[in-house]
Amino acid sequence: MRLAALLANVLLMIGIALSPQVSAQHASPTQATASAAGSYVPGLGEIMAAQQMRHAKLWLAGRARNWPLASYELDELREGFEDAAKFQPVHDDVPVAAMIAKLTPEPLEALSRAVAAKDSAHFTKSFDRLTAACNECHRAANHGFIVIVRPTSSAFPNQAFAPSK
């Protein structure tokens, strides 16, 4: 009985020891390095899904003139782009980091100015420029079938977007 338990534990330990090596064979170079180090690296799809959520929340906050929330979501978008560039600088031979560096600074800065000025008209124009930059990046990455638009309704019924009084 003890021998069987010992053998089971040894086999379990071997399996645990080999699992990062096996999964690293199917991962990107960044993911393989992180996997070998025992770290989690988000995939580009995971990062971009979070970006899509932030993009929607930014629109909803700006449309409601909740400038503190819009500022927060804008900062989250910036962090998400930084994460994409850091963790997935090249994805499927597409220079993600270079495209982010080229396409996002101007619209993000314009949005910052609009939010700081609490200027709804400038916010809308700047938001549309950011959305266009997202779509330009998707087309350049051969993912033109991913088309980002202004949200028409909230997918977040559990969050208030109007400013608190």
N, C-alpha and C. Protein backbone atom coordinates (compact mmCIF):
# COMPACT_ATOMS: atom_id res chain seq x y z
N MET A 1 0.82 -1.18 0.00
CA MET A 1 0.00 0.00 0.00
C MET A 1 0.87 1.25 0.00
N ARG A 2 1.88 1.28 0.87
CA ARG A 2 2.77 2.43 0.92
C ARG A 2 3.55 2.58 -0.38
N LEU A 3 3.96 1.48 -0.95
CA LEU A 3 4.70 1.51 -2.21
C LEU A 3 3.82 2.08 -3.32
N ALA A 4 2.56 1.70 -3.36
CA ALA A 4 1.64 2.20 -4.37
C ALA A 4 1.45 3.72 -4.21
N ALA A 5 1.31 4.17 -2.98
CA ALA A 5 1.14 5.60 -2.72
C ALA A 5 2.40 6.37 -3.10
N LEU A 6 3.57 5.81 -2.77
CA LEU A 6 4.83 6.44 -3.12
C LEU A 6 4.98 6.52 -4.63
N LEU A 7 4.66 5.45 -5.33
CA LEU A 7 4.75 5.43 -6.78
C LEU A 7 3.79 6.45 -7.40
N ALA A 8 2.58 6.54 -6.86
CA ALA A 8 1.61 7.51 -7.36
C ALA A 8 2.12 8.94 -7.16
N ASN A 9 2.72 9.21 -6.01
CA ASN A 9 3.28 10.54 -5.75
C ASN A 9 4.44 10.86 -6.68
N VAL A 10 5.30 9.90 -6.93
CA VAL A 10 6.43 10.10 -7.84
C VAL A 10 5.92 10.41 -9.25
N LEU A 11 4.94 9.62 -9.70
CA LEU A 11 4.37 9.86 -11.03
C LEU A 11 3.70 11.23 -11.12
N LEU A 12 3.02 11.63 -10.07
CA LEU A 12 2.39 12.94 -10.03
C LEU A 12 3.44 14.04 -10.12
N MET A 13 4.52 13.89 -9.38
CA MET A 13 5.59 14.90 -9.38
C MET A 13 6.25 14.98 -10.76
N ILE A 14 6.44 13.84 -11.41
CA ILE A 14 7.02 13.83 -12.75
C ILE A 14 6.08 14.55 -13.72
N GLY A 15 4.79 14.27 -13.60
CA GLY A 15 3.80 14.93 -14.45
C GLY A 15 3.79 16.43 -14.25
N ILE A 16 3.86 16.87 -13.00
CA ILE A 16 3.90 18.30 -12.71
C ILE A 16 5.17 18.93 -13.26
N ALA A 17 6.27 18.25 -13.10
CA ALA A 17 7.55 18.78 -13.58
C ALA A 17 7.59 18.89 -15.10
N LEU A 18 6.96 17.96 -15.79
CA LEU A 18 6.99 17.97 -17.25
C LEU A 18 5.93 18.87 -17.87
N SER A 19 4.87 19.18 -17.18
CA SER A 19 3.77 19.92 -17.78
C SER A 19 4.17 21.29 -18.34
N PRO A 20 5.01 22.10 -17.68
CA PRO A 20 5.39 23.36 -18.30
C PRO A 20 6.17 23.16 -19.59
N GLN A 21 6.99 22.08 -19.65
CA GLN A 21 7.77 21.83 -20.85
C GLN A 21 6.86 21.42 -22.01
N VAL A 22 5.87 20.62 -21.74
CA VAL A 22 4.96 20.18 -22.78
C VAL A 22 4.12 21.35 -23.27
N SER A 23 3.56 22.13 -22.36
CA SER A 23 2.73 23.26 -22.78
C SER A 23 3.59 24.33 -23.45
N ALA A 24 4.83 24.48 -23.07
CA ALA A 24 5.70 25.47 -23.68
C ALA A 24 5.98 25.16 -25.14
N GLN A 25 5.91 23.88 -25.53
CA GLN A 25 6.14 23.52 -26.93
C GLN A 25 5.08 24.10 -27.84
N HIS A 26 3.87 24.36 -27.33
CA HIS A 26 2.76 24.86 -28.13
C HIS A 26 2.51 26.34 -27.92
N ALA A 27 3.34 27.02 -27.18
CA ALA A 27 3.12 28.41 -26.82
C ALA A 27 4.01 29.32 -27.67
N SER A 28 3.70 30.62 -27.65
CA SER A 28 4.54 31.61 -28.31
C SER A 28 5.84 31.70 -27.51
N PRO A 29 6.88 32.32 -28.09
CA PRO A 29 8.14 32.45 -27.34
C PRO A 29 7.95 33.17 -26.00
N THR A 30 7.14 34.22 -25.98
CA THR A 30 6.90 34.93 -24.72
C THR A 30 6.21 34.03 -23.72
N GLN A 31 5.18 33.30 -24.19
CA GLN A 31 4.45 32.41 -23.31
C GLN A 31 5.33 31.26 -22.84
N ALA A 32 6.17 30.74 -23.73
CA ALA A 32 7.04 29.63 -23.36
C ALA A 32 8.02 30.05 -22.28
N THR A 33 8.60 31.25 -22.42
CA THR A 33 9.53 31.74 -21.42
C THR A 33 8.84 31.92 -20.08
N ALA A 34 7.66 32.53 -20.11
CA ALA A 34 6.92 32.76 -18.87
C ALA A 34 6.48 31.43 -18.27
N SER A 35 6.07 30.49 -19.12
CA SER A 35 5.64 29.20 -18.63
C SER A 35 6.78 28.49 -17.92
N ALA A 36 7.96 28.55 -18.52
CA ALA A 36 9.12 27.90 -17.90
C ALA A 36 9.45 28.57 -16.56
N ALA A 37 9.17 29.87 -16.47
CA ALA A 37 9.44 30.58 -15.23
C ALA A 37 8.28 30.46 -14.24
N GLY A 38 7.19 29.84 -14.68
CA GLY A 38 6.04 29.67 -13.80
C GLY A 38 5.11 30.86 -13.78
N SER A 39 5.19 31.74 -14.78
CA SER A 39 4.36 32.93 -14.83
C SER A 39 3.26 32.78 -15.88
N TYR A 40 2.15 33.45 -15.64
CA TYR A 40 1.05 33.48 -16.60
C TYR A 40 1.24 34.64 -17.55
N VAL A 41 1.09 34.41 -18.83
CA VAL A 41 1.15 35.47 -19.83
C VAL A 41 -0.18 35.46 -20.58
N PRO A 42 -0.91 36.56 -20.52
CA PRO A 42 -2.19 36.59 -21.23
C PRO A 42 -1.99 36.57 -22.73
N GLY A 43 -2.89 35.90 -23.43
CA GLY A 43 -2.86 35.90 -24.88
C GLY A 43 -3.36 37.23 -25.41
N LEU A 44 -3.07 37.50 -26.66
CA LEU A 44 -3.49 38.76 -27.26
C LEU A 44 -5.01 38.85 -27.29
N GLY A 45 -5.69 37.75 -27.54
CA GLY A 45 -7.15 37.76 -27.54
C GLY A 45 -7.72 38.13 -26.18
N GLU A 46 -7.10 37.64 -25.13
CA GLU A 46 -7.55 37.99 -23.77
C GLU A 46 -7.36 39.47 -23.49
N ILE A 47 -6.21 39.99 -23.87
CA ILE A 47 -5.94 41.41 -23.65
C ILE A 47 -6.91 42.26 -24.45
N MET A 48 -7.13 41.89 -25.70
CA MET A 48 -8.00 42.69 -26.56
C MET A 48 -9.47 42.58 -26.15
N ALA A 49 -9.89 41.47 -25.60
CA ALA A 49 -11.26 41.37 -25.09
C ALA A 49 -11.45 42.35 -23.93
N ALA A 50 -10.44 42.47 -23.08
CA ALA A 50 -10.51 43.45 -21.98
C ALA A 50 -10.49 44.87 -22.55
N GLN A 51 -9.71 45.08 -23.61
CA GLN A 51 -9.67 46.40 -24.25
C GLN A 51 -11.04 46.77 -24.83
N GLN A 52 -11.70 45.79 -25.42
CA GLN A 52 -13.02 46.05 -25.98
C GLN A 52 -14.00 46.47 -24.87
N MET A 53 -13.91 45.82 -23.72
CA MET A 53 -14.75 46.20 -22.59
C MET A 53 -14.43 47.62 -22.13
N ARG A 54 -13.15 47.94 -22.03
CA ARG A 54 -12.75 49.28 -21.59
C ARG A 54 -13.20 50.34 -22.58
N HIS A 55 -13.08 50.03 -23.86
CA HIS A 55 -13.52 50.93 -24.93
C HIS A 55 -15.01 51.23 -24.76
N ALA A 56 -15.80 50.20 -24.53
CA ALA A 56 -17.25 50.39 -24.34
C ALA A 56 -17.53 51.22 -23.09
N LYS A 57 -16.87 50.90 -22.00
CA LYS A 57 -17.09 51.64 -20.76
C LYS A 57 -16.65 53.09 -20.90
N LEU A 58 -15.58 53.34 -21.62
CA LEU A 58 -15.14 54.71 -21.86
C LEU A 58 -16.23 55.48 -22.59
N TRP A 59 -16.80 54.89 -23.63
CA TRP A 59 -17.87 55.55 -24.37
C TRP A 59 -19.07 55.84 -23.46
N LEU A 60 -19.48 54.84 -22.72
CA LEU A 60 -20.66 55.01 -21.86
C LEU A 60 -20.43 56.09 -20.80
N ALA A 61 -19.23 56.14 -20.24
CA ALA A 61 -18.91 57.16 -19.24
C ALA A 61 -18.87 58.54 -19.88
N GLY A 62 -18.24 58.66 -21.04
CA GLY A 62 -18.16 59.95 -21.71
C GLY A 62 -19.52 60.44 -22.16
N ARG A 63 -20.32 59.53 -22.69
CA ARG A 63 -21.67 59.91 -23.13
C ARG A 63 -22.51 60.41 -21.95
N ALA A 64 -22.29 59.81 -20.78
CA ALA A 64 -23.01 60.23 -19.57
C ALA A 64 -22.35 61.43 -18.89
N ARG A 65 -21.24 61.88 -19.43
CA ARG A 65 -20.48 63.01 -18.87
C ARG A 65 -19.97 62.72 -17.47
N ASN A 66 -19.64 61.47 -17.26
CA ASN A 66 -19.02 61.06 -16.00
C ASN A 66 -17.52 61.11 -16.23
N TRP A 67 -16.96 62.29 -16.14
CA TRP A 67 -15.56 62.51 -16.51
C TRP A 67 -14.57 61.77 -15.61
N PRO A 68 -14.81 61.63 -14.32
CA PRO A 68 -13.87 60.83 -13.52
C PRO A 68 -13.84 59.36 -13.98
N LEU A 69 -15.01 58.79 -14.29
CA LEU A 69 -15.03 57.41 -14.78
C LEU A 69 -14.41 57.31 -16.16
N ALA A 70 -14.67 58.29 -17.03
CA ALA A 70 -14.05 58.29 -18.36
C ALA A 70 -12.53 58.34 -18.23
N SER A 71 -12.03 59.17 -17.33
CA SER A 71 -10.58 59.27 -17.11
C SER A 71 -10.01 57.94 -16.64
N TYR A 72 -10.73 57.29 -15.72
CA TYR A 72 -10.30 55.99 -15.22
C TYR A 72 -10.24 54.96 -16.34
N GLU A 73 -11.29 54.89 -17.15
CA GLU A 73 -11.32 53.90 -18.24
C GLU A 73 -10.25 54.20 -19.29
N LEU A 74 -9.99 55.46 -19.52
CA LEU A 74 -8.93 55.84 -20.45
C LEU A 74 -7.57 55.37 -19.95
N ASP A 75 -7.32 55.53 -18.66
CA ASP A 75 -6.07 55.03 -18.08
C ASP A 75 -5.99 53.51 -18.20
N GLU A 76 -7.11 52.83 -18.00
CA GLU A 76 -7.14 51.37 -18.13
C GLU A 76 -6.84 50.95 -19.58
N LEU A 77 -7.38 51.69 -20.54
CA LEU A 77 -7.08 51.41 -21.95
C LEU A 77 -5.58 51.55 -22.22
N ARG A 78 -4.99 52.62 -21.71
CA ARG A 78 -3.55 52.81 -21.89
C ARG A 78 -2.77 51.62 -21.32
N GLU A 79 -3.13 51.21 -20.11
CA GLU A 79 -2.45 50.07 -19.49
C GLU A 79 -2.64 48.80 -20.31
N GLY A 80 -3.83 48.61 -20.86
CA GLY A 80 -4.08 47.44 -21.68
C GLY A 80 -3.22 47.43 -22.94
N PHE A 81 -3.07 48.59 -23.57
CA PHE A 81 -2.19 48.67 -24.75
C PHE A 81 -0.74 48.40 -24.36
N GLU A 82 -0.34 48.91 -23.20
CA GLU A 82 1.02 48.63 -22.71
C GLU A 82 1.21 47.13 -22.48
N ASP A 83 0.20 46.48 -21.91
CA ASP A 83 0.27 45.03 -21.70
C ASP A 83 0.37 44.27 -23.02
N ALA A 84 -0.43 44.67 -23.99
CA ALA A 84 -0.38 44.00 -25.29
C ALA A 84 1.01 44.14 -25.90
N ALA A 85 1.57 45.34 -25.86
CA ALA A 85 2.90 45.57 -26.42
C ALA A 85 3.97 44.80 -25.66
N LYS A 86 3.82 44.72 -24.35
CA LYS A 86 4.82 44.03 -23.51
C LYS A 86 4.74 42.51 -23.64
N PHE A 87 3.52 41.97 -23.53
CA PHE A 87 3.36 40.52 -23.48
C PHE A 87 3.22 39.87 -24.85
N GLN A 88 2.76 40.62 -25.84
CA GLN A 88 2.58 40.07 -27.18
C GLN A 88 3.13 41.05 -28.22
N PRO A 89 4.43 41.38 -28.15
CA PRO A 89 4.99 42.39 -29.06
C PRO A 89 4.87 42.00 -30.53
N VAL A 90 4.92 40.71 -30.79
CA VAL A 90 4.71 40.18 -32.14
C VAL A 90 3.77 38.99 -31.99
N HIS A 91 2.71 38.99 -32.78
CA HIS A 91 1.73 37.91 -32.70
C HIS A 91 1.40 37.46 -34.12
N ASP A 92 1.63 36.20 -34.42
CA ASP A 92 1.40 35.67 -35.76
C ASP A 92 2.11 36.53 -36.81
N ASP A 93 3.36 36.87 -36.55
CA ASP A 93 4.20 37.69 -37.43
C ASP A 93 3.70 39.12 -37.61
N VAL A 94 2.79 39.57 -36.77
CA VAL A 94 2.28 40.94 -36.82
C VAL A 94 2.98 41.73 -35.72
N PRO A 95 3.60 42.87 -36.06
CA PRO A 95 4.31 43.68 -35.05
C PRO A 95 3.33 44.49 -34.18
N VAL A 96 2.72 43.82 -33.23
CA VAL A 96 1.69 44.41 -32.39
C VAL A 96 2.21 45.66 -31.67
N ALA A 97 3.35 45.54 -31.02
CA ALA A 97 3.88 46.68 -30.25
C ALA A 97 4.13 47.88 -31.15
N ALA A 98 4.68 47.65 -32.33
CA ALA A 98 4.96 48.75 -33.25
C ALA A 98 3.67 49.40 -33.74
N MET A 99 2.65 48.60 -34.00
CA MET A 99 1.38 49.17 -34.45
C MET A 99 0.70 49.96 -33.34
N ILE A 100 0.77 49.46 -32.13
CA ILE A 100 0.19 50.20 -30.99
C ILE A 100 0.91 51.54 -30.84
N ALA A 101 2.24 51.51 -30.94
CA ALA A 101 3.04 52.74 -30.80
C ALA A 101 2.72 53.74 -31.90
N LYS A 102 2.39 53.25 -33.08
CA LYS A 102 2.10 54.12 -34.21
C LYS A 102 0.67 54.66 -34.18
N LEU A 103 -0.29 53.83 -33.82
CA LEU A 103 -1.70 54.18 -34.01
C LEU A 103 -2.42 54.75 -32.80
N THR A 104 -1.97 54.48 -31.59
CA THR A 104 -2.78 54.87 -30.43
C THR A 104 -2.39 56.16 -29.71
N PRO A 105 -1.15 56.63 -29.75
CA PRO A 105 -0.82 57.81 -28.93
C PRO A 105 -1.68 59.05 -29.23
N GLU A 106 -1.86 59.39 -30.49
CA GLU A 106 -2.61 60.61 -30.83
C GLU A 106 -4.06 60.52 -30.39
N PRO A 107 -4.79 59.45 -30.72
CA PRO A 107 -6.18 59.42 -30.26
C PRO A 107 -6.31 59.34 -28.74
N LEU A 108 -5.39 58.66 -28.07
CA LEU A 108 -5.46 58.60 -26.61
C LEU A 108 -5.19 59.97 -26.00
N GLU A 109 -4.24 60.70 -26.56
CA GLU A 109 -3.94 62.05 -26.05
C GLU A 109 -5.11 62.99 -26.31
N ALA A 110 -5.73 62.89 -27.47
CA ALA A 110 -6.89 63.72 -27.78
C ALA A 110 -8.04 63.41 -26.82
N LEU A 111 -8.23 62.15 -26.52
CA LEU A 111 -9.26 61.77 -25.54
C LEU A 111 -8.93 62.32 -24.16
N SER A 112 -7.67 62.28 -23.78
CA SER A 112 -7.26 62.85 -22.48
C SER A 112 -7.61 64.33 -22.40
N ARG A 113 -7.32 65.05 -23.47
CA ARG A 113 -7.64 66.49 -23.48
C ARG A 113 -9.15 66.71 -23.41
N ALA A 114 -9.91 65.93 -24.13
CA ALA A 114 -11.37 66.08 -24.13
C ALA A 114 -11.95 65.79 -22.75
N VAL A 115 -11.45 64.74 -22.11
CA VAL A 115 -11.95 64.37 -20.78
C VAL A 115 -11.57 65.45 -19.77
N ALA A 116 -10.33 65.92 -19.84
CA ALA A 116 -9.88 66.96 -18.90
C ALA A 116 -10.70 68.24 -19.08
N ALA A 117 -11.06 68.55 -20.33
CA ALA A 117 -11.83 69.77 -20.61
C ALA A 117 -13.33 69.55 -20.41
N LYS A 118 -13.72 68.30 -20.17
CA LYS A 118 -15.15 67.95 -20.04
C LYS A 118 -15.92 68.42 -21.28
N ASP A 119 -15.32 68.13 -22.44
CA ASP A 119 -15.84 68.59 -23.73
C ASP A 119 -16.46 67.40 -24.47
N SER A 120 -17.77 67.29 -24.43
CA SER A 120 -18.47 66.15 -25.03
C SER A 120 -18.26 66.05 -26.54
N ALA A 121 -18.29 67.18 -27.23
CA ALA A 121 -18.12 67.14 -28.69
C ALA A 121 -16.71 66.66 -29.05
N HIS A 122 -15.71 67.18 -28.37
CA HIS A 122 -14.32 66.76 -28.62
C HIS A 122 -14.14 65.29 -28.20
N PHE A 123 -14.79 64.91 -27.13
CA PHE A 123 -14.72 63.51 -26.68
C PHE A 123 -15.24 62.59 -27.79
N THR A 124 -16.38 62.91 -28.37
CA THR A 124 -16.97 62.05 -29.40
C THR A 124 -16.03 61.93 -30.60
N LYS A 125 -15.49 63.05 -31.07
CA LYS A 125 -14.57 63.02 -32.22
C LYS A 125 -13.31 62.21 -31.88
N SER A 126 -12.78 62.41 -30.70
CA SER A 126 -11.56 61.69 -30.30
C SER A 126 -11.83 60.21 -30.11
N PHE A 127 -12.98 59.89 -29.56
CA PHE A 127 -13.36 58.48 -29.38
C PHE A 127 -13.46 57.81 -30.75
N ASP A 128 -14.07 58.50 -31.69
CA ASP A 128 -14.19 57.93 -33.04
C ASP A 128 -12.82 57.74 -33.69
N ARG A 129 -11.88 58.63 -33.41
CA ARG A 129 -10.51 58.46 -33.94
C ARG A 129 -9.83 57.25 -33.33
N LEU A 130 -10.04 57.03 -32.03
CA LEU A 130 -9.48 55.84 -31.40
C LEU A 130 -10.10 54.59 -32.00
N THR A 131 -11.40 54.61 -32.20
CA THR A 131 -12.10 53.46 -32.78
C THR A 131 -11.56 53.19 -34.18
N ALA A 132 -11.35 54.22 -34.96
CA ALA A 132 -10.79 54.06 -36.31
C ALA A 132 -9.38 53.47 -36.24
N ALA A 133 -8.58 53.88 -35.26
CA ALA A 133 -7.23 53.35 -35.09
C ALA A 133 -7.30 51.86 -34.76
N CYS A 134 -8.25 51.47 -33.92
CA CYS A 134 -8.41 50.04 -33.60
C CYS A 134 -8.70 49.25 -34.87
N ASN A 135 -9.61 49.76 -35.67
CA ASN A 135 -10.00 49.05 -36.89
C ASN A 135 -8.87 49.04 -37.91
N GLU A 136 -8.09 50.11 -37.98
CA GLU A 136 -6.93 50.14 -38.87
C GLU A 136 -5.92 49.06 -38.46
N CYS A 137 -5.70 48.93 -37.17
CA CYS A 137 -4.78 47.91 -36.66
C CYS A 137 -5.30 46.51 -37.01
N HIS A 138 -6.59 46.29 -36.81
CA HIS A 138 -7.16 44.97 -37.12
C HIS A 138 -6.99 44.64 -38.60
N ARG A 139 -7.24 45.62 -39.48
CA ARG A 139 -7.06 45.37 -40.92
C ARG A 139 -5.61 45.05 -41.24
N ALA A 140 -4.68 45.82 -40.65
CA ALA A 140 -3.25 45.60 -40.91
C ALA A 140 -2.79 44.24 -40.40
N ALA A 141 -3.46 43.72 -39.38
CA ALA A 141 -3.10 42.42 -38.80
C ALA A 141 -3.87 41.27 -39.45
N ASN A 142 -4.51 41.55 -40.59
CA ASN A 142 -5.32 40.55 -41.29
C ASN A 142 -6.49 40.04 -40.45
N HIS A 143 -7.00 40.93 -39.60
CA HIS A 143 -8.17 40.63 -38.78
C HIS A 143 -9.25 41.69 -39.01
N GLY A 144 -9.38 42.12 -40.26
CA GLY A 144 -10.34 43.14 -40.61
C GLY A 144 -11.78 42.76 -40.32
N PHE A 145 -12.00 41.48 -40.07
CA PHE A 145 -13.34 41.02 -39.70
C PHE A 145 -13.70 41.42 -38.27
N ILE A 146 -12.73 41.90 -37.50
CA ILE A 146 -13.00 42.44 -36.16
C ILE A 146 -13.19 43.94 -36.33
N VAL A 147 -14.43 44.38 -36.26
CA VAL A 147 -14.77 45.79 -36.46
C VAL A 147 -15.34 46.34 -35.16
N ILE A 148 -14.67 47.34 -34.63
CA ILE A 148 -15.09 47.97 -33.39
C ILE A 148 -15.96 49.18 -33.73
N VAL A 149 -17.03 49.36 -32.98
CA VAL A 149 -17.95 50.48 -33.20
C VAL A 149 -18.30 51.11 -31.85
N ARG A 150 -18.96 52.24 -31.91
CA ARG A 150 -19.50 52.84 -30.68
C ARG A 150 -20.56 51.90 -30.11
N PRO A 151 -20.56 51.71 -28.82
CA PRO A 151 -21.63 50.91 -28.22
C PRO A 151 -22.97 51.62 -28.40
N THR A 152 -24.01 50.83 -28.63
CA THR A 152 -25.35 51.40 -28.75
C THR A 152 -26.17 51.19 -27.49
N SER A 153 -25.67 50.33 -26.62
CA SER A 153 -26.31 50.10 -25.32
C SER A 153 -25.25 49.56 -24.37
N SER A 154 -25.59 49.50 -23.12
CA SER A 154 -24.64 49.01 -22.12
C SER A 154 -24.73 47.51 -21.95
N ALA A 155 -23.60 46.87 -21.97
CA ALA A 155 -23.51 45.45 -21.66
C ALA A 155 -23.25 45.25 -20.17
N PHE A 156 -23.30 46.36 -19.42
CA PHE A 156 -22.97 46.35 -18.00
C PHE A 156 -24.14 46.87 -17.18
N PRO A 157 -25.20 46.09 -17.07
CA PRO A 157 -26.38 46.58 -16.34
C PRO A 157 -26.15 46.76 -14.84
N ASN A 158 -25.05 46.24 -14.36
CA ASN A 158 -24.75 46.34 -12.94
C ASN A 158 -23.83 47.51 -12.60
N GLN A 159 -23.63 48.43 -13.56
CA GLN A 159 -22.79 49.59 -13.30
C GLN A 159 -23.51 50.84 -13.75
N ALA A 160 -23.50 51.87 -12.91
CA ALA A 160 -24.06 53.16 -13.26
C ALA A 160 -22.98 53.98 -13.97
N PHE A 161 -23.32 54.56 -15.09
CA PHE A 161 -22.37 55.37 -15.82
C PHE A 161 -22.61 56.86 -15.63
N ALA A 162 -23.79 57.23 -15.18
CA ALA A 162 -24.07 58.64 -14.90
C ALA A 162 -23.27 59.04 -13.65
N PRO A 163 -22.80 60.28 -13.62
CA PRO A 163 -22.03 60.71 -12.45
C PRO A 163 -22.88 60.69 -11.18
N SER A 164 -22.23 60.39 -10.08
CA SER A 164 -22.91 60.42 -8.76
C SER A 164 -23.21 61.86 -8.40
N LYS A 165 -24.28 62.02 -7.70
CA LYS A 165 -24.65 63.39 -7.30
C LYS A 165 -24.32 63.64 -5.87
